[in-house]
N, C-alpha and C. Protein backbone atom coordinates (compact mmCIF):
# COMPACT_ATOMS: atom_id res chain seq x y z
N MET A 1 24.24 8.95 -9.89
CA MET A 1 24.23 8.57 -8.49
C MET A 1 25.00 9.60 -7.70
N GLN A 2 24.46 9.98 -6.58
CA GLN A 2 25.13 10.94 -5.73
C GLN A 2 26.19 10.24 -4.89
N GLY A 3 27.09 11.00 -4.34
CA GLY A 3 28.25 10.46 -3.66
C GLY A 3 27.98 9.52 -2.51
N SER A 4 26.88 9.66 -1.81
CA SER A 4 26.65 8.83 -0.63
C SER A 4 26.34 7.38 -0.97
N GLY A 5 26.00 7.10 -2.22
CA GLY A 5 25.72 5.74 -2.62
C GLY A 5 24.27 5.34 -2.46
N ALA A 6 23.48 6.12 -1.77
CA ALA A 6 22.07 5.78 -1.63
C ALA A 6 21.29 7.03 -1.28
N LEU A 7 20.05 7.07 -1.68
CA LEU A 7 19.20 8.14 -1.24
C LEU A 7 17.76 7.70 -1.31
N VAL A 8 16.94 8.28 -0.45
CA VAL A 8 15.52 7.93 -0.44
C VAL A 8 14.91 8.49 -1.71
N GLU A 9 14.21 7.64 -2.44
CA GLU A 9 13.62 7.99 -3.72
C GLU A 9 12.34 8.79 -3.54
N ALA A 10 11.50 8.42 -2.60
CA ALA A 10 10.17 9.01 -2.51
C ALA A 10 9.69 8.98 -1.07
N ALA A 11 8.50 9.49 -0.89
CA ALA A 11 7.86 9.44 0.42
C ALA A 11 7.60 7.99 0.80
N VAL A 12 7.22 7.80 2.02
CA VAL A 12 6.87 6.46 2.48
C VAL A 12 5.72 5.93 1.63
N MET A 13 5.87 4.71 1.17
CA MET A 13 4.83 4.02 0.40
C MET A 13 4.25 2.92 1.27
N THR A 14 3.33 2.18 0.69
CA THR A 14 2.74 1.04 1.39
C THR A 14 3.00 -0.22 0.60
N ASN A 15 3.46 -1.26 1.29
CA ASN A 15 3.57 -2.57 0.68
C ASN A 15 2.35 -3.38 1.09
N LEU A 16 1.59 -3.83 0.13
CA LEU A 16 0.43 -4.68 0.37
C LEU A 16 0.85 -6.12 0.05
N THR A 17 0.58 -7.02 0.97
CA THR A 17 0.81 -8.44 0.72
C THR A 17 -0.54 -9.05 0.35
N VAL A 18 -0.63 -9.54 -0.87
CA VAL A 18 -1.89 -10.05 -1.42
C VAL A 18 -1.76 -11.55 -1.63
N VAL A 19 -2.76 -12.29 -1.19
CA VAL A 19 -2.80 -13.74 -1.38
C VAL A 19 -3.53 -14.02 -2.69
N LEU A 20 -2.83 -14.71 -3.60
CA LEU A 20 -3.38 -15.06 -4.91
C LEU A 20 -3.49 -16.56 -5.07
N ASP A 21 -4.36 -16.98 -5.98
CA ASP A 21 -4.33 -18.37 -6.42
C ASP A 21 -3.08 -18.54 -7.26
N ASN A 22 -2.44 -19.67 -7.15
CA ASN A 22 -1.26 -19.96 -7.95
C ASN A 22 -1.70 -20.54 -9.28
N THR A 23 -2.30 -19.67 -10.12
CA THR A 23 -2.83 -20.09 -11.42
C THR A 23 -2.39 -19.09 -12.49
N PRO A 24 -2.30 -19.56 -13.74
CA PRO A 24 -1.92 -18.66 -14.82
C PRO A 24 -2.87 -17.47 -14.92
N GLY A 25 -2.32 -16.28 -15.00
CA GLY A 25 -3.11 -15.08 -15.19
C GLY A 25 -3.54 -14.37 -13.91
N SER A 26 -3.38 -14.99 -12.75
CA SER A 26 -3.85 -14.34 -11.52
C SER A 26 -3.03 -13.09 -11.20
N LEU A 27 -1.72 -13.15 -11.40
CA LEU A 27 -0.87 -11.98 -11.17
C LEU A 27 -1.20 -10.88 -12.18
N ALA A 28 -1.36 -11.26 -13.43
CA ALA A 28 -1.70 -10.29 -14.48
C ALA A 28 -3.02 -9.59 -14.17
N ALA A 29 -4.01 -10.34 -13.69
CA ALA A 29 -5.32 -9.76 -13.40
C ALA A 29 -5.24 -8.66 -12.34
N VAL A 30 -4.47 -8.90 -11.29
CA VAL A 30 -4.31 -7.89 -10.24
C VAL A 30 -3.60 -6.66 -10.78
N CYS A 31 -2.51 -6.88 -11.47
CA CYS A 31 -1.73 -5.74 -11.99
C CYS A 31 -2.53 -4.93 -13.00
N GLU A 32 -3.29 -5.61 -13.86
CA GLU A 32 -4.13 -4.90 -14.82
C GLU A 32 -5.20 -4.08 -14.11
N ALA A 33 -5.87 -4.67 -13.13
CA ALA A 33 -6.94 -3.97 -12.43
C ALA A 33 -6.41 -2.76 -11.67
N VAL A 34 -5.28 -2.91 -11.01
CA VAL A 34 -4.68 -1.80 -10.28
C VAL A 34 -4.30 -0.68 -11.26
N GLY A 35 -3.72 -1.05 -12.39
CA GLY A 35 -3.37 -0.06 -13.40
C GLY A 35 -4.57 0.64 -14.00
N HIS A 36 -5.62 -0.12 -14.29
CA HIS A 36 -6.85 0.49 -14.85
C HIS A 36 -7.47 1.48 -13.88
N ALA A 37 -7.24 1.29 -12.60
CA ALA A 37 -7.77 2.21 -11.58
C ALA A 37 -6.89 3.45 -11.43
N GLY A 38 -5.78 3.50 -12.19
CA GLY A 38 -4.91 4.67 -12.13
C GLY A 38 -3.89 4.64 -11.00
N VAL A 39 -3.70 3.48 -10.39
CA VAL A 39 -2.72 3.35 -9.31
C VAL A 39 -1.42 2.83 -9.91
N ASN A 40 -0.33 3.55 -9.68
CA ASN A 40 0.96 3.13 -10.19
C ASN A 40 1.60 2.12 -9.24
N ILE A 41 2.09 1.04 -9.81
CA ILE A 41 2.81 0.03 -9.04
C ILE A 41 4.28 0.43 -9.04
N GLU A 42 4.79 0.78 -7.86
CA GLU A 42 6.18 1.20 -7.73
C GLU A 42 7.13 0.01 -7.67
N GLY A 43 6.65 -1.11 -7.17
CA GLY A 43 7.46 -2.31 -7.08
C GLY A 43 6.58 -3.52 -6.84
N LEU A 44 7.06 -4.67 -7.30
CA LEU A 44 6.32 -5.90 -7.02
C LEU A 44 7.27 -7.08 -6.95
N CYS A 45 6.87 -8.03 -6.16
CA CYS A 45 7.57 -9.29 -6.01
C CYS A 45 6.49 -10.34 -5.77
N CYS A 46 6.57 -11.45 -6.49
CA CYS A 46 5.56 -12.49 -6.32
C CYS A 46 6.26 -13.84 -6.30
N PHE A 47 5.83 -14.70 -5.40
CA PHE A 47 6.39 -16.05 -5.35
C PHE A 47 5.30 -17.02 -4.93
N ALA A 48 5.44 -18.25 -5.38
CA ALA A 48 4.45 -19.30 -5.09
C ALA A 48 5.01 -20.27 -4.06
N SER A 49 4.12 -20.72 -3.20
CA SER A 49 4.49 -21.71 -2.18
C SER A 49 3.23 -22.41 -1.70
N GLN A 50 3.26 -23.71 -1.66
CA GLN A 50 2.18 -24.52 -1.09
C GLN A 50 0.82 -24.20 -1.68
N GLY A 51 0.77 -24.03 -3.01
CA GLY A 51 -0.50 -23.88 -3.70
C GLY A 51 -1.05 -22.47 -3.78
N ILE A 52 -0.39 -21.51 -3.13
CA ILE A 52 -0.83 -20.12 -3.23
C ILE A 52 0.33 -19.28 -3.75
N ALA A 53 0.04 -18.07 -4.10
CA ALA A 53 1.08 -17.12 -4.47
C ALA A 53 0.94 -15.90 -3.57
N LEU A 54 2.07 -15.36 -3.13
CA LEU A 54 2.07 -14.13 -2.33
C LEU A 54 2.65 -13.02 -3.19
N LEU A 55 1.90 -11.95 -3.30
CA LEU A 55 2.29 -10.79 -4.08
C LEU A 55 2.61 -9.64 -3.13
N TYR A 56 3.82 -9.12 -3.23
CA TYR A 56 4.20 -7.90 -2.52
C TYR A 56 4.06 -6.78 -3.54
N LEU A 57 3.24 -5.79 -3.22
CA LEU A 57 2.93 -4.70 -4.13
C LEU A 57 3.21 -3.38 -3.41
N ALA A 58 4.18 -2.61 -3.90
CA ALA A 58 4.50 -1.31 -3.31
C ALA A 58 3.78 -0.23 -4.10
N VAL A 59 2.98 0.57 -3.41
CA VAL A 59 2.19 1.63 -4.05
C VAL A 59 2.18 2.88 -3.18
N GLU A 60 2.00 4.03 -3.81
CA GLU A 60 1.81 5.26 -3.05
C GLU A 60 0.34 5.42 -2.67
N ASP A 61 -0.57 4.98 -3.54
CA ASP A 61 -2.02 5.10 -3.30
C ASP A 61 -2.55 3.78 -2.73
N ALA A 62 -2.31 3.57 -1.45
CA ALA A 62 -2.70 2.30 -0.82
C ALA A 62 -4.21 2.12 -0.79
N SER A 63 -4.95 3.18 -0.52
CA SER A 63 -6.41 3.03 -0.43
C SER A 63 -7.00 2.69 -1.80
N GLY A 64 -6.46 3.29 -2.86
CA GLY A 64 -6.94 2.97 -4.21
C GLY A 64 -6.63 1.53 -4.58
N ALA A 65 -5.41 1.08 -4.29
CA ALA A 65 -5.03 -0.29 -4.59
C ALA A 65 -5.85 -1.27 -3.75
N ARG A 66 -6.05 -0.95 -2.48
CA ARG A 66 -6.82 -1.82 -1.59
C ARG A 66 -8.24 -2.00 -2.12
N ARG A 67 -8.86 -0.90 -2.54
CA ARG A 67 -10.23 -0.94 -3.07
C ARG A 67 -10.30 -1.91 -4.27
N VAL A 68 -9.36 -1.78 -5.18
CA VAL A 68 -9.34 -2.62 -6.37
C VAL A 68 -9.12 -4.07 -6.01
N ILE A 69 -8.12 -4.34 -5.18
CA ILE A 69 -7.77 -5.72 -4.83
C ILE A 69 -8.91 -6.40 -4.08
N GLU A 70 -9.49 -5.71 -3.11
CA GLU A 70 -10.61 -6.29 -2.38
C GLU A 70 -11.83 -6.45 -3.28
N GLY A 71 -11.98 -5.54 -4.26
CA GLY A 71 -13.07 -5.64 -5.24
C GLY A 71 -12.94 -6.88 -6.11
N LEU A 72 -11.73 -7.38 -6.26
CA LEU A 72 -11.50 -8.63 -6.99
C LEU A 72 -11.76 -9.85 -6.11
N GLY A 73 -12.09 -9.61 -4.85
CA GLY A 73 -12.35 -10.72 -3.92
C GLY A 73 -11.09 -11.32 -3.33
N LEU A 74 -9.98 -10.59 -3.40
CA LEU A 74 -8.71 -11.09 -2.88
C LEU A 74 -8.45 -10.58 -1.47
N LYS A 75 -7.65 -11.33 -0.73
CA LYS A 75 -7.31 -10.98 0.64
C LYS A 75 -5.97 -10.27 0.69
N ILE A 76 -5.93 -9.15 1.40
CA ILE A 76 -4.67 -8.47 1.71
C ILE A 76 -4.30 -8.93 3.11
N SER A 77 -3.23 -9.70 3.21
CA SER A 77 -2.88 -10.28 4.50
C SER A 77 -2.04 -9.35 5.36
N GLU A 78 -1.43 -8.34 4.75
CA GLU A 78 -0.59 -7.42 5.53
C GLU A 78 -0.39 -6.13 4.77
N GLU A 79 -0.30 -5.03 5.52
CA GLU A 79 0.10 -3.74 4.98
C GLU A 79 1.23 -3.23 5.85
N ARG A 80 2.26 -2.69 5.21
CA ARG A 80 3.38 -2.13 5.98
C ARG A 80 3.96 -0.95 5.23
N PRO A 81 4.47 0.04 5.99
CA PRO A 81 5.14 1.16 5.34
C PRO A 81 6.50 0.71 4.80
N VAL A 82 6.85 1.23 3.63
CA VAL A 82 8.15 0.94 3.01
C VAL A 82 8.66 2.21 2.34
N VAL A 83 9.93 2.23 2.04
CA VAL A 83 10.52 3.32 1.27
C VAL A 83 11.31 2.73 0.11
N ALA A 84 11.38 3.47 -0.99
CA ALA A 84 12.23 3.09 -2.11
C ALA A 84 13.55 3.83 -1.94
N VAL A 85 14.63 3.09 -1.89
CA VAL A 85 15.95 3.64 -1.63
C VAL A 85 16.85 3.33 -2.82
N ARG A 86 17.57 4.33 -3.30
CA ARG A 86 18.54 4.07 -4.38
C ARG A 86 19.68 3.23 -3.82
N VAL A 87 20.16 2.33 -4.65
CA VAL A 87 21.28 1.47 -4.27
C VAL A 87 22.30 1.51 -5.40
N GLU A 88 23.58 1.50 -5.04
CA GLU A 88 24.63 1.53 -6.06
C GLU A 88 24.52 0.29 -6.95
N ASP A 89 24.60 0.51 -8.26
CA ASP A 89 24.50 -0.57 -9.22
C ASP A 89 25.90 -1.12 -9.51
N LYS A 90 26.44 -1.80 -8.50
CA LYS A 90 27.75 -2.44 -8.64
C LYS A 90 27.83 -3.52 -7.58
N PRO A 91 28.74 -4.47 -7.76
CA PRO A 91 28.87 -5.54 -6.77
C PRO A 91 29.09 -4.96 -5.36
N GLY A 92 28.32 -5.44 -4.42
CA GLY A 92 28.43 -4.99 -3.03
C GLY A 92 27.53 -3.82 -2.67
N GLY A 93 26.85 -3.24 -3.66
CA GLY A 93 26.01 -2.07 -3.40
C GLY A 93 24.90 -2.35 -2.40
N ALA A 94 24.18 -3.45 -2.59
CA ALA A 94 23.09 -3.78 -1.67
C ALA A 94 23.64 -4.10 -0.28
N GLY A 95 24.74 -4.83 -0.23
CA GLY A 95 25.34 -5.16 1.07
C GLY A 95 25.75 -3.93 1.84
N LYS A 96 26.34 -2.97 1.15
CA LYS A 96 26.77 -1.71 1.80
C LYS A 96 25.58 -0.96 2.37
N LEU A 97 24.51 -0.87 1.59
CA LEU A 97 23.30 -0.18 2.05
C LEU A 97 22.68 -0.90 3.24
N LEU A 98 22.51 -2.20 3.12
CA LEU A 98 21.86 -2.97 4.18
C LEU A 98 22.71 -3.03 5.45
N ARG A 99 24.03 -2.97 5.32
CA ARG A 99 24.92 -2.95 6.48
C ARG A 99 24.65 -1.71 7.33
N ARG A 100 24.38 -0.57 6.69
CA ARG A 100 24.05 0.66 7.45
C ARG A 100 22.90 0.41 8.40
N PHE A 101 21.87 -0.28 7.91
CA PHE A 101 20.69 -0.53 8.74
C PHE A 101 21.02 -1.52 9.85
N GLY A 102 21.75 -2.57 9.53
CA GLY A 102 22.13 -3.55 10.55
C GLY A 102 22.98 -2.92 11.64
N ASP A 103 23.94 -2.10 11.24
CA ASP A 103 24.80 -1.43 12.22
C ASP A 103 24.02 -0.47 13.11
N ALA A 104 22.90 0.04 12.59
CA ALA A 104 22.05 0.95 13.36
C ALA A 104 20.97 0.19 14.14
N GLU A 105 21.10 -1.15 14.19
CA GLU A 105 20.15 -1.99 14.92
C GLU A 105 18.73 -1.91 14.36
N ILE A 106 18.61 -1.71 13.05
CA ILE A 106 17.31 -1.71 12.37
C ILE A 106 17.10 -3.09 11.78
N ASN A 107 15.97 -3.70 12.09
CA ASN A 107 15.64 -5.02 11.58
C ASN A 107 14.91 -4.87 10.25
N VAL A 108 15.60 -5.15 9.15
CA VAL A 108 14.97 -5.13 7.83
C VAL A 108 14.11 -6.38 7.72
N GLN A 109 12.81 -6.18 7.54
CA GLN A 109 11.87 -7.28 7.50
C GLN A 109 11.40 -7.62 6.09
N LEU A 110 11.72 -6.73 5.15
CA LEU A 110 11.29 -6.91 3.77
C LEU A 110 12.25 -6.14 2.88
N ALA A 111 12.72 -6.76 1.82
CA ALA A 111 13.56 -6.06 0.85
C ALA A 111 13.41 -6.75 -0.50
N TYR A 112 13.20 -5.96 -1.55
CA TYR A 112 13.22 -6.50 -2.90
C TYR A 112 13.60 -5.41 -3.87
N GLN A 113 14.36 -5.81 -4.88
CA GLN A 113 14.86 -4.88 -5.88
C GLN A 113 13.73 -4.49 -6.83
N VAL A 114 13.71 -3.24 -7.23
CA VAL A 114 12.72 -2.75 -8.20
C VAL A 114 13.46 -2.00 -9.31
N THR A 115 12.74 -1.33 -10.16
CA THR A 115 13.34 -0.66 -11.31
C THR A 115 14.22 0.51 -10.91
N GLY A 116 15.13 0.86 -11.79
CA GLY A 116 15.93 2.07 -11.60
C GLY A 116 16.92 1.99 -10.46
N THR A 117 17.53 0.87 -10.23
CA THR A 117 18.49 0.67 -9.14
C THR A 117 17.93 1.11 -7.80
N ARG A 118 16.70 0.73 -7.54
CA ARG A 118 16.07 1.00 -6.25
C ARG A 118 15.79 -0.32 -5.56
N ILE A 119 15.71 -0.23 -4.24
CA ILE A 119 15.35 -1.39 -3.43
C ILE A 119 14.25 -0.95 -2.48
N ILE A 120 13.20 -1.74 -2.37
CA ILE A 120 12.11 -1.46 -1.43
C ILE A 120 12.54 -2.01 -0.08
N ILE A 121 12.42 -1.18 0.96
CA ILE A 121 12.81 -1.57 2.31
C ILE A 121 11.62 -1.43 3.25
N GLY A 122 11.31 -2.50 3.94
CA GLY A 122 10.35 -2.48 5.04
C GLY A 122 11.11 -2.85 6.29
N ALA A 123 10.97 -2.06 7.33
CA ALA A 123 11.76 -2.30 8.55
C ALA A 123 10.97 -1.86 9.77
N ASP A 124 11.53 -2.16 10.93
CA ASP A 124 10.85 -1.82 12.18
C ASP A 124 10.94 -0.33 12.50
N ASN A 125 11.70 0.44 11.74
CA ASN A 125 11.81 1.88 11.98
C ASN A 125 12.05 2.60 10.65
N ILE A 126 10.97 2.89 9.94
CA ILE A 126 11.06 3.50 8.60
C ILE A 126 11.69 4.88 8.64
N GLU A 127 11.41 5.67 9.64
CA GLU A 127 11.99 7.02 9.71
C GLU A 127 13.51 6.96 9.82
N ARG A 128 14.03 6.02 10.59
CA ARG A 128 15.49 5.88 10.68
C ARG A 128 16.07 5.35 9.38
N VAL A 129 15.35 4.48 8.70
CA VAL A 129 15.80 4.01 7.38
C VAL A 129 15.93 5.20 6.44
N LYS A 130 14.93 6.06 6.42
CA LYS A 130 14.98 7.25 5.54
C LYS A 130 16.19 8.12 5.86
N ARG A 131 16.47 8.34 7.14
CA ARG A 131 17.62 9.18 7.53
C ARG A 131 18.95 8.52 7.14
N LEU A 132 19.07 7.23 7.40
CA LEU A 132 20.32 6.54 7.13
C LEU A 132 20.59 6.35 5.64
N ALA A 133 19.53 6.36 4.83
CA ALA A 133 19.70 6.15 3.39
C ALA A 133 20.13 7.39 2.65
N ARG A 134 20.19 8.51 3.30
CA ARG A 134 20.58 9.76 2.64
C ARG A 134 22.05 9.79 2.39
């Protein structure tokens, strides 16, 4: 980890919000199909509510993932730009990072932890998030 405590991991990615049936295997089917198409899943978060499941899928190849997901007959309810930001792997690391954005008047609208001590951030100003995360 570099001294600043956080750094932007990659270029801006796309978070796709996919509506799934809340049934066994539905999440696996999407992830398998996206992988078979050669699209790498950078991050995912899925939760069930009121009979459906919402899948947040962070990918660099949004058009490839969209083609696959729509080909499965699924609805993408939202697309938004996101960045993967390194976060310190210690108590308070996420709070310290997110405080930078709050102090800069950036409204974080989406955040979920992914592999490698990274956090996916979707906000009202992605370019400022990238600058502040350095």
